Protein backbone atom coordinates (compact mmCIF):
# COMPACT_ATOMS: atom_id res chain seq x y z
CA MET A 1 0.14 0.35 -0.16
CA ALA A 2 3.15 2.50 -1.35
CA ALA A 3 0.29 5.33 -1.46
CA ILE A 4 -0.08 5.67 2.55
CA ALA A 5 2.90 4.48 3.41
CA GLU A 6 4.23 7.57 4.64
CA PRO A 7 2.42 9.95 6.52
CA VAL A 8 -0.48 11.68 5.10
CA VAL A 9 0.20 15.38 4.60
CA ASP A 10 -2.02 16.07 2.01
CA SER A 11 -5.32 16.46 2.87
CA VAL A 12 -6.53 16.22 -1.19
CA VAL A 13 -4.41 13.28 -1.99
CA ALA A 14 -5.98 11.69 1.21
CA LYS A 15 -9.66 12.18 -0.02
CA ARG A 16 -8.54 10.29 -3.25
CA VAL A 17 -6.55 7.24 -1.99
CA ARG A 18 -8.36 3.82 -0.48
CA ILE A 19 -6.78 1.84 1.71
CA GLU A 20 -5.69 -1.09 0.31
CA ALA A 21 -5.13 -3.06 2.69
CA ILE A 22 -8.62 -2.72 4.38
CA ASP A 23 -10.18 -3.83 0.45
CA VAL A 24 -7.93 -6.74 -0.18
CA VAL A 25 -8.85 -8.39 3.28
CA ARG A 26 -12.17 -7.24 2.82
CA GLY A 27 -12.26 -9.02 -0.83
CA VAL A 28 -10.60 -12.36 0.60
CA ILE A 29 -13.11 -12.97 3.13
CA MET A 30 -16.08 -12.06 0.57
CA ILE A 31 -14.57 -14.82 -1.49
CA LEU A 32 -14.62 -17.59 1.55
CA MET A 33 -17.76 -16.23 1.98
CA ALA A 34 -18.92 -17.92 -1.07
CA LEU A 35 -17.47 -21.00 -0.18
CA ASP A 36 -19.97 -21.11 2.76
CA HIS A 37 -23.27 -20.66 0.30
CA VAL A 38 -22.02 -22.68 -2.32
CA ARG A 39 -21.68 -25.54 0.97
CA ASP A 40 -25.68 -24.33 1.63
CA PHE A 41 -27.19 -24.92 -1.39
CA PHE A 42 -24.77 -28.09 -2.70
CA GLY A 43 -23.44 -29.60 0.99
CA ASN A 44 -25.07 -32.55 2.44
CA SER A 45 -27.81 -30.02 4.89
CA GLY A 46 -28.05 -33.07 7.29
CA VAL A 47 -24.70 -32.97 8.77
CA ASN A 48 -23.26 -30.29 10.98
CA PRO A 49 -20.46 -29.12 10.05
CA THR A 50 -19.37 -27.99 13.82
CA ASP A 51 -20.06 -30.68 15.59
CA PRO A 52 -17.01 -33.08 16.94
CA ALA A 53 -19.52 -35.53 17.17
CA THR A 54 -20.80 -36.11 13.85
CA THR A 55 -18.34 -33.69 11.04
CA THR A 56 -14.98 -34.62 9.32
CA VAL A 57 -12.12 -32.26 9.94
CA PRO A 58 -12.10 -31.59 6.09
CA LEU A 59 -15.88 -30.71 6.47
CA PHE A 60 -15.38 -29.02 9.90
CA PHE A 61 -13.05 -26.80 8.83
CA THR A 62 -14.70 -25.95 5.47
CA ARG A 63 -16.94 -24.37 7.89
CA TRP A 64 -14.77 -22.97 10.40
CA ILE A 65 -12.36 -21.29 7.43
CA THR A 66 -15.80 -19.19 6.68
CA HIS A 67 -16.03 -18.10 10.45
CA PHE A 68 -13.80 -14.99 9.84
CA CYS A 69 -16.42 -13.64 7.07
CA ALA A 70 -19.22 -12.29 9.03
CA PRO A 71 -16.86 -10.48 12.27
CA VAL A 72 -14.32 -8.85 9.44
CA PHE A 73 -17.01 -7.73 7.48
CA PHE A 74 -18.70 -5.67 10.37
CA LEU A 75 -15.46 -4.63 11.48
CA LEU A 76 -14.60 -2.96 8.59
CA THR A 77 -17.88 -1.75 7.69
CA GLY A 78 -17.07 0.54 10.98
CA THR A 79 -13.30 1.56 9.62
CA GLY A 80 -14.80 2.43 6.44
CA ALA A 81 -17.67 4.63 8.05
CA TYR A 82 -14.60 6.39 10.24
CA LEU A 83 -12.84 6.42 6.35
CA ALA A 84 -15.81 8.67 5.51
CA LEU A 85 -14.45 11.12 7.55
CA ARG A 86 -12.43 12.28 5.14
CA LYS A 87 -14.89 13.50 2.33
CA LYS A 88 -17.82 14.36 4.76
CA SER A 89 -19.17 15.76 7.70
CA LYS A 90 -20.20 14.07 10.79
CA HIS A 91 -23.77 14.93 10.25
CA GLU A 92 -23.45 13.43 6.21
CA LEU A 93 -21.82 10.45 7.39
CA SER A 94 -24.35 10.26 9.94
CA ARG A 95 -26.93 10.49 7.57
CA PHE A 96 -25.68 8.36 5.11
CA LEU A 97 -25.15 5.52 7.32
CA PHE A 98 -28.64 6.02 8.32
CA THR A 99 -30.30 5.78 4.92
CA ARG A 100 -28.01 3.03 4.00
CA GLY A 101 -28.72 0.99 6.85
CA LEU A 102 -32.22 0.75 6.42
CA TRP A 103 -31.35 0.29 2.42
CA LEU A 104 -29.38 -2.97 3.74
CA ILE A 105 -32.32 -4.21 6.06
CA PHE A 106 -34.82 -3.47 2.69
CA LEU A 107 -31.92 -5.58 0.61
CA GLU A 108 -32.35 -8.41 3.17
CA LEU A 109 -35.95 -8.59 2.89
CA VAL A 110 -37.10 -8.46 -0.68
CA VAL A 111 -34.14 -8.26 -3.03
CA VAL A 112 -31.66 -11.27 -1.15
CA ARG A 113 -34.67 -13.23 0.26
CA CYS A 114 -36.58 -13.09 -2.95
CA LEU A 115 -34.29 -12.98 -5.64
CA GLY A 116 -31.05 -14.78 -4.06
CA TRP A 117 -32.14 -17.19 -1.19
CA GLN A 118 -35.21 -18.55 -1.91
CA PHE A 119 -36.43 -17.70 -5.82
CA ASN A 120 -40.12 -17.00 -4.67
CA PHE A 121 -42.27 -14.45 -2.93
CA ASP A 122 -44.58 -16.87 -0.59
CA TYR A 123 -42.69 -15.64 2.20
CA HIS A 124 -43.33 -18.73 3.97
CA VAL A 125 -39.52 -18.45 5.54
CA VAL A 126 -38.10 -15.03 6.42
CA LEU A 127 -34.17 -15.37 7.94
CA LEU A 128 -33.14 -11.89 9.39
CA ASN A 129 -30.25 -12.26 8.49
CA VAL A 130 -26.28 -10.72 8.12
CA LEU A 131 -27.38 -7.40 6.00
CA TRP A 132 -30.62 -7.24 8.40
CA ALA A 133 -28.08 -7.32 11.27
CA LEU A 134 -25.27 -5.11 9.23
CA GLY A 135 -28.29 -1.95 8.36
CA TRP A 136 -29.01 -2.04 12.12
CA ALA A 137 -25.19 -1.74 12.99
CA MET A 138 -25.40 1.51 10.74
CA ILE A 139 -28.33 2.91 12.11
CA THR A 140 -26.49 2.90 15.33
CA LEU A 141 -23.50 4.29 13.78
CA SER A 142 -25.00 6.63 12.78
CA VAL A 143 -25.48 8.26 16.15
CA LEU A 144 -22.09 7.19 17.55
CA VAL A 145 -20.63 9.21 14.66
CA TYR A 146 -21.46 11.98 17.16
CA LEU A 147 -19.16 10.80 19.99
CA PRO A 148 -15.39 11.04 19.34
CA ALA A 149 -14.24 7.66 17.64
CA SER A 150 -12.05 6.51 20.99
CA VAL A 151 -15.81 6.88 22.85
CA ALA A 152 -17.55 4.87 20.09
CA ALA A 153 -14.61 2.47 20.21
CA ALA A 154 -15.02 1.73 23.36
CA PHE A 155 -18.70 1.06 23.67
CA GLY A 156 -18.10 -1.49 21.36
CA VAL A 157 -14.92 -2.95 23.71
CA VAL A 158 -17.17 -3.01 26.62
CA MET A 159 -19.96 -4.71 23.97
CA ILE A 160 -18.25 -7.21 22.84
CA ALA A 161 -16.70 -8.29 26.37
CA THR A 162 -19.67 -7.93 28.66
CA HIS A 163 -22.32 -9.28 26.63
CA ASN A 164 -21.93 -12.85 27.23
CA LEU A 165 -22.70 -12.56 31.28
CA PHE A 166 -26.72 -12.54 29.24
CA ASP A 167 -26.46 -15.97 28.30
CA PRO A 168 -28.40 -17.77 31.34
CA VAL A 169 -31.10 -15.21 30.44
CA GLN A 170 -33.85 -17.27 28.87
CA SER A 171 -36.73 -15.07 27.49
CA THR A 172 -39.44 -15.95 24.44
CA SER A 173 -39.78 -11.95 24.02
CA PRO A 174 -39.33 -10.82 20.37
CA ILE A 175 -37.07 -7.68 21.18
CA TRP A 176 -34.66 -9.75 23.22
CA THR A 177 -34.76 -12.57 20.66
CA ILE A 178 -33.87 -9.94 18.38
CA LEU A 179 -31.22 -8.04 20.34
CA HIS A 180 -28.96 -11.34 21.36
CA SER A 181 -30.53 -14.99 22.80
CA ALA A 182 -29.63 -17.63 20.46
CA PRO A 183 -31.36 -17.93 17.01
CA GLY A 184 -35.04 -18.31 17.54
CA PHE A 185 -38.50 -17.30 15.91
CA ILE A 186 -40.49 -14.17 16.32
CA LEU A 187 -42.83 -15.65 14.35
CA ASN A 188 -43.62 -19.07 14.11
CA GLU A 189 -47.66 -19.97 12.79
CA PRO A 190 -48.25 -22.74 10.07
CA GLY A 191 -46.97 -21.20 6.64
CA HIS A 192 -45.67 -18.55 7.77
CA ILE A 193 -42.29 -18.66 9.90
CA VAL A 194 -39.58 -15.10 10.85
CA PHE A 195 -36.13 -16.07 12.20
CA VAL A 196 -33.30 -14.33 13.32
CA ALA A 197 -30.22 -15.71 12.35
CA TYR A 198 -27.96 -12.41 13.28
CA ALA A 199 -28.82 -11.10 17.13
CA LEU A 200 -27.94 -7.54 17.01
CA ILE A 201 -25.96 -6.45 19.92
CA PRO A 202 -22.52 -8.49 19.38
CA TRP A 203 -22.30 -7.33 15.86
CA VAL A 204 -23.56 -3.52 16.49
CA GLY A 205 -20.84 -3.60 19.10
CA VAL A 206 -18.68 -4.90 16.20
CA THR A 207 -19.14 -2.57 13.92
CA ALA A 208 -18.73 0.47 16.67
CA ALA A 209 -14.83 -1.34 17.72
CA GLY A 210 -14.37 -0.78 13.54
CA TYR A 211 -15.26 2.45 13.75
CA GLY A 212 -12.84 3.45 16.78
CA LEU A 213 -10.06 1.41 14.45
CA GLY A 214 -10.24 3.37 11.59
CA GLN A 215 -8.41 6.29 13.11
CA ILE A 216 -5.36 4.11 12.58
CA TYR A 217 -5.28 4.83 9.03
CA SER A 218 -4.35 8.71 9.64
CA TRP A 219 -0.67 6.86 11.24
CA PRO A 220 2.30 6.33 9.13
CA SER A 221 2.42 3.01 7.96
CA ALA A 222 5.02 2.15 10.54
CA ARG A 223 3.08 3.38 13.63
CA ARG A 224 0.21 1.26 12.26
CA LYS A 225 1.92 -1.90 11.87
CA ALA A 226 3.12 -1.61 15.84
CA PHE A 227 -0.53 -1.27 16.58
CA LEU A 228 -1.61 -3.90 14.61
CA LEU A 229 0.88 -6.72 15.50
CA PRO A 230 0.55 -6.54 19.12
CA LEU A 231 -2.94 -6.08 19.34
CA GLY A 232 -3.88 -9.18 16.43
CA LEU A 233 -1.29 -11.41 18.60
CA GLY A 234 -2.70 -10.06 22.14
CA LEU A 235 -6.33 -10.56 20.90
CA THR A 236 -5.39 -14.42 19.68
CA ALA A 237 -3.13 -14.77 22.81
CA ALA A 238 -6.31 -13.61 24.66
CA PHE A 239 -9.00 -16.44 23.20
CA LEU A 240 -5.81 -19.49 23.44
CA THR A 241 -6.32 -18.41 27.16
CA LEU A 242 -9.79 -17.74 27.84
CA ARG A 243 -10.88 -20.35 25.96
CA GLY A 244 -8.54 -22.93 27.52
CA ILE A 245 -9.59 -22.06 30.88
CA ASN A 246 -13.01 -22.96 29.67
CA LEU A 247 -15.43 -20.65 32.06
CA TYR A 248 -16.47 -17.28 30.09
CA GLY A 249 -16.63 -16.11 27.22
CA ASP A 250 -19.05 -19.16 25.60
CA PRO A 251 -21.69 -20.90 25.84
CA LEU A 252 -20.45 -24.30 24.31
CA ARG A 253 -17.32 -25.70 26.45
CA TRP A 254 -14.45 -27.51 25.00
CA SER A 255 -13.89 -31.04 25.79
CA THR A 256 -11.88 -33.83 25.46
CA GLN A 257 -13.06 -35.95 22.16
CA LYS A 258 -12.15 -39.28 20.61
CA SER A 259 -8.98 -38.40 19.21
CA ALA A 260 -6.30 -35.36 19.80
CA ALA A 261 -7.65 -33.87 16.47
CA PHE A 262 -11.19 -33.74 17.28
CA THR A 263 -10.43 -32.42 20.72
CA VAL A 264 -8.55 -29.69 18.79
CA LEU A 265 -12.23 -29.34 16.39
CA SER A 266 -13.68 -29.25 19.50
CA PHE A 267 -11.82 -26.37 21.38
CA LEU A 268 -12.43 -24.30 17.88
CA ASN A 269 -16.03 -24.60 17.83
CA THR A 270 -17.02 -21.36 19.15
CA LEU A 271 -20.37 -20.23 18.74
CA LYS A 272 -21.40 -17.87 16.43
CA TYR A 273 -25.05 -17.46 16.90
CA PRO A 274 -25.01 -14.99 18.61
CA PRO A 275 -21.38 -14.27 18.56
CA SER A 276 -19.57 -15.38 21.62
CA LEU A 277 -16.66 -13.26 22.60
CA LEU A 278 -14.63 -16.29 22.32
CA PHE A 279 -16.01 -16.46 18.51
CA LEU A 280 -14.87 -12.61 18.00
CA LEU A 281 -11.45 -13.25 19.42
CA MET A 282 -10.72 -16.38 17.84
CA THR A 283 -11.75 -14.10 14.47
CA LEU A 284 -10.87 -10.73 14.70
CA GLY A 285 -7.26 -11.23 16.11
CA PRO A 286 -5.91 -13.25 12.82
CA ALA A 287 -7.95 -10.40 10.98
CA LEU A 288 -5.93 -7.96 12.22
CA LEU A 289 -2.47 -9.64 11.76
CA PHE A 290 -3.54 -9.96 8.13
CA LEU A 291 -4.11 -6.32 8.12
CA TRP A 292 -0.77 -5.89 9.16
CA ALA A 293 0.69 -8.82 6.71
CA VAL A 294 -1.01 -6.77 4.06
CA ASP A 295 -0.10 -2.85 5.41
CA ALA A 296 2.58 -2.43 2.71
CA GLY A 297 1.40 -3.29 -0.41
CA THR A 298 -1.08 -6.34 -1.89
CA PRO A 299 1.03 -9.25 -3.14
CA ARG A 300 0.25 -10.24 -6.35
CA TRP A 301 -1.54 -12.99 -6.02
CA LEU A 302 -4.12 -11.47 -3.93
CA ARG A 303 -4.65 -8.22 -6.61
CA PRO A 304 -8.01 -10.15 -7.43
CA ALA A 305 -8.88 -10.08 -3.90
CA LEU A 306 -8.59 -6.46 -4.24
CA ILE A 307 -10.80 -5.75 -6.86
CA ILE A 308 -13.32 -7.51 -5.62
CA GLY A 309 -13.11 -6.23 -2.24
CA LYS A 310 -13.71 -2.41 -3.74
CA VAL A 311 -17.12 -3.09 -4.50
CA PRO A 312 -18.20 -6.04 -1.42
CA MET A 313 -22.22 -5.13 -1.34
CA PHE A 314 -22.05 -5.79 -5.37
CA TYR A 315 -20.55 -8.79 -4.92
CA TYR A 316 -22.58 -9.64 -2.22
CA LEU A 317 -25.73 -9.26 -4.19
CA LEU A 318 -24.71 -11.29 -7.05
CA HIS A 319 -23.49 -14.37 -5.80
CA ILE A 320 -26.06 -15.91 -3.87
CA PRO A 321 -28.62 -15.84 -7.00
CA LEU A 322 -25.86 -16.85 -9.28
CA ILE A 323 -25.54 -19.92 -6.78
CA HIS A 324 -28.65 -21.10 -6.89
CA LEU A 325 -28.84 -20.37 -10.43
CA ILE A 326 -26.11 -22.95 -10.55
CA ALA A 327 -28.14 -25.11 -8.71
CA VAL A 328 -31.09 -25.08 -10.78
CA ALA A 329 -29.16 -26.08 -13.61
CA VAL A 330 -27.72 -28.77 -11.59
CA CYS A 331 -30.93 -29.44 -10.50
CA TYR A 332 -32.46 -29.67 -14.06
CA ALA A 333 -29.73 -31.93 -15.77
CA ARG A 334 -30.00 -34.67 -12.68
CA TYR A 335 -33.89 -34.98 -12.24
CA GLY A 336 -35.50 -33.05 -15.40
CA GLN A 337 -37.61 -30.35 -13.25
CA VAL A 338 -36.85 -28.03 -10.71
CA HIS A 339 -39.48 -26.83 -8.21
CA TRP A 340 -37.10 -27.93 -5.05
CA MET A 341 -35.44 -24.95 -5.91
CA PHE A 342 -37.82 -22.69 -5.72
CA GLU A 343 -39.72 -24.36 -2.64
CA SER A 344 -38.64 -23.56 1.34
CA ARG A 345 -40.62 -25.53 3.78
CA GLY A 346 -38.62 -24.52 6.77
CA LEU A 347 -35.57 -23.93 8.95
CA ASP A 348 -34.82 -27.89 8.22
CA GLN A 349 -34.93 -27.29 4.36
CA PHE A 350 -33.21 -24.12 3.61
CA PRO A 351 -32.58 -22.24 0.98
CA ILE A 352 -34.01 -25.07 -0.58
CA THR A 353 -35.67 -27.74 0.06
CA PRO A 354 -33.11 -30.82 -1.57
CA PRO A 355 -34.61 -33.13 -3.59
CA PRO A 356 -34.23 -36.89 -3.25
CA GLY A 357 -30.25 -38.16 -2.74
CA TRP A 358 -29.45 -34.19 -2.92
CA GLY A 359 -26.02 -33.35 -2.01
CA TYR A 360 -22.77 -33.30 -3.00
CA SER A 361 -19.42 -33.82 -1.60
CA LEU A 362 -16.92 -31.35 -0.71
CA PRO A 363 -14.78 -31.47 -4.21
CA ILE A 364 -17.75 -30.57 -5.64
CA VAL A 365 -18.88 -27.80 -3.61
CA TYR A 366 -15.19 -26.50 -3.68
CA LEU A 367 -15.41 -26.90 -7.87
CA VAL A 368 -19.08 -24.77 -8.03
CA TRP A 369 -16.98 -22.44 -5.87
CA GLY A 370 -14.26 -21.34 -7.94
CA MET A 371 -16.43 -21.41 -10.76
CA VAL A 372 -18.59 -18.95 -8.90
CA VAL A 373 -15.67 -16.63 -8.05
CA VAL A 374 -14.06 -16.72 -11.83
CA MET A 375 -17.95 -16.10 -13.14
CA LEU A 376 -18.04 -13.07 -10.67
CA TYR A 377 -14.34 -11.54 -11.20
CA PRO A 378 -14.62 -9.41 -14.52
CA LEU A 379 -18.52 -8.03 -13.28
CA CYS A 380 -16.74 -6.62 -9.76
CA ARG A 381 -13.78 -5.56 -12.26
CA TRP A 382 -16.27 -3.77 -14.29
CA PHE A 383 -18.01 -2.61 -11.07
CA ALA A 384 -15.27 -0.61 -9.20
CA GLY A 385 -14.36 0.70 -12.56
CA LEU A 386 -17.59 2.22 -13.01
CA LYS A 387 -17.21 3.32 -8.90
CA GLN A 388 -13.99 5.24 -9.71
CA ARG A 389 -15.37 6.83 -12.68
CA ASN A 390 -18.38 7.76 -12.09
CA SER A 391 -19.50 10.29 -8.82
CA ASN A 392 -23.19 9.24 -8.75
CA ALA A 393 -24.03 8.93 -4.66
CA TRP A 394 -26.37 5.94 -5.48
CA LEU A 395 -23.09 4.58 -6.50
CA ASN A 396 -22.04 4.39 -2.40
CA TYR A 397 -25.48 2.20 -1.87
CA PHE A 398 -23.93 -0.88 -3.50
């Protein structure tokens, strides 16, 4: 990232420069996200990939590596919001975050739900998923931006560190389900289900912490790297220590398994829904080390990820319908009919109703994943160029 390796002294130049390290890390996690979603459509839905009692080592790590996606996505959303202050006043940023948050919630409930995951408009099954939580995190951040960035960051860190204290609270209140509890229903009637997959409180905290992190990108590179390295190592060490103690930070305790390898799986099997303190330490610590590693510039082999990282929302909105369309094509070629691909009957058959015998091995899942990324890359390259050439404000919403 030679453009910002030295202290930023020209505010005009600073306004034009994107932070390559942020884009490339975001691009990598977007690519990994597609792997998880390909597995949702093409994998064996009857096997829990993170349960040491039923999984295999390759399947576990196929799921585990994608655990980094959501935490990094939320963290860098906050960081990107802070960096937007180079071009916007706090009032302008607040308004943008509020309206973009509403836009993301609309995309979740209408576009991604009907044209991505399910290919229907029956609303029998509605999941409040990642864009739902990201939208509310942005709306919350639209208020927090009026505070000093360090105060917003402290708010986020306290939320991340302490929210597991509320794990014993058992409530069927829809408000509590939306805010903190394990995934649950806010509507569960015959024919219609609304299910909260992403509780808001921990994710709001990650976004607020990311907003505070944005301050370091006004520092010289050497100072920034001297901050990122010990912070990344410290969070990773905190995960190993707290997980080893096995008392606080995650409702899922690790235990000795049938072999040393599966004991390691149990140790790494932290709770994502909602994200526990240990889950976030496990993922954000290495993510900060990745930011440290690419701070000086993007390696050649990561340049494609850099392109995708410049247009993450565009990529997100395209990759789910593309995966679904590939599943439709495969289903038609195999069965001669595709009605299963347009049906959602419940959470146990989401996002599609699997046809008889549906479910493919991991090599096939990885093959389809590679196809999806290769097919999307030229579109992302085109859209990144369009955003760079065009100052239309609407493009900032994608």
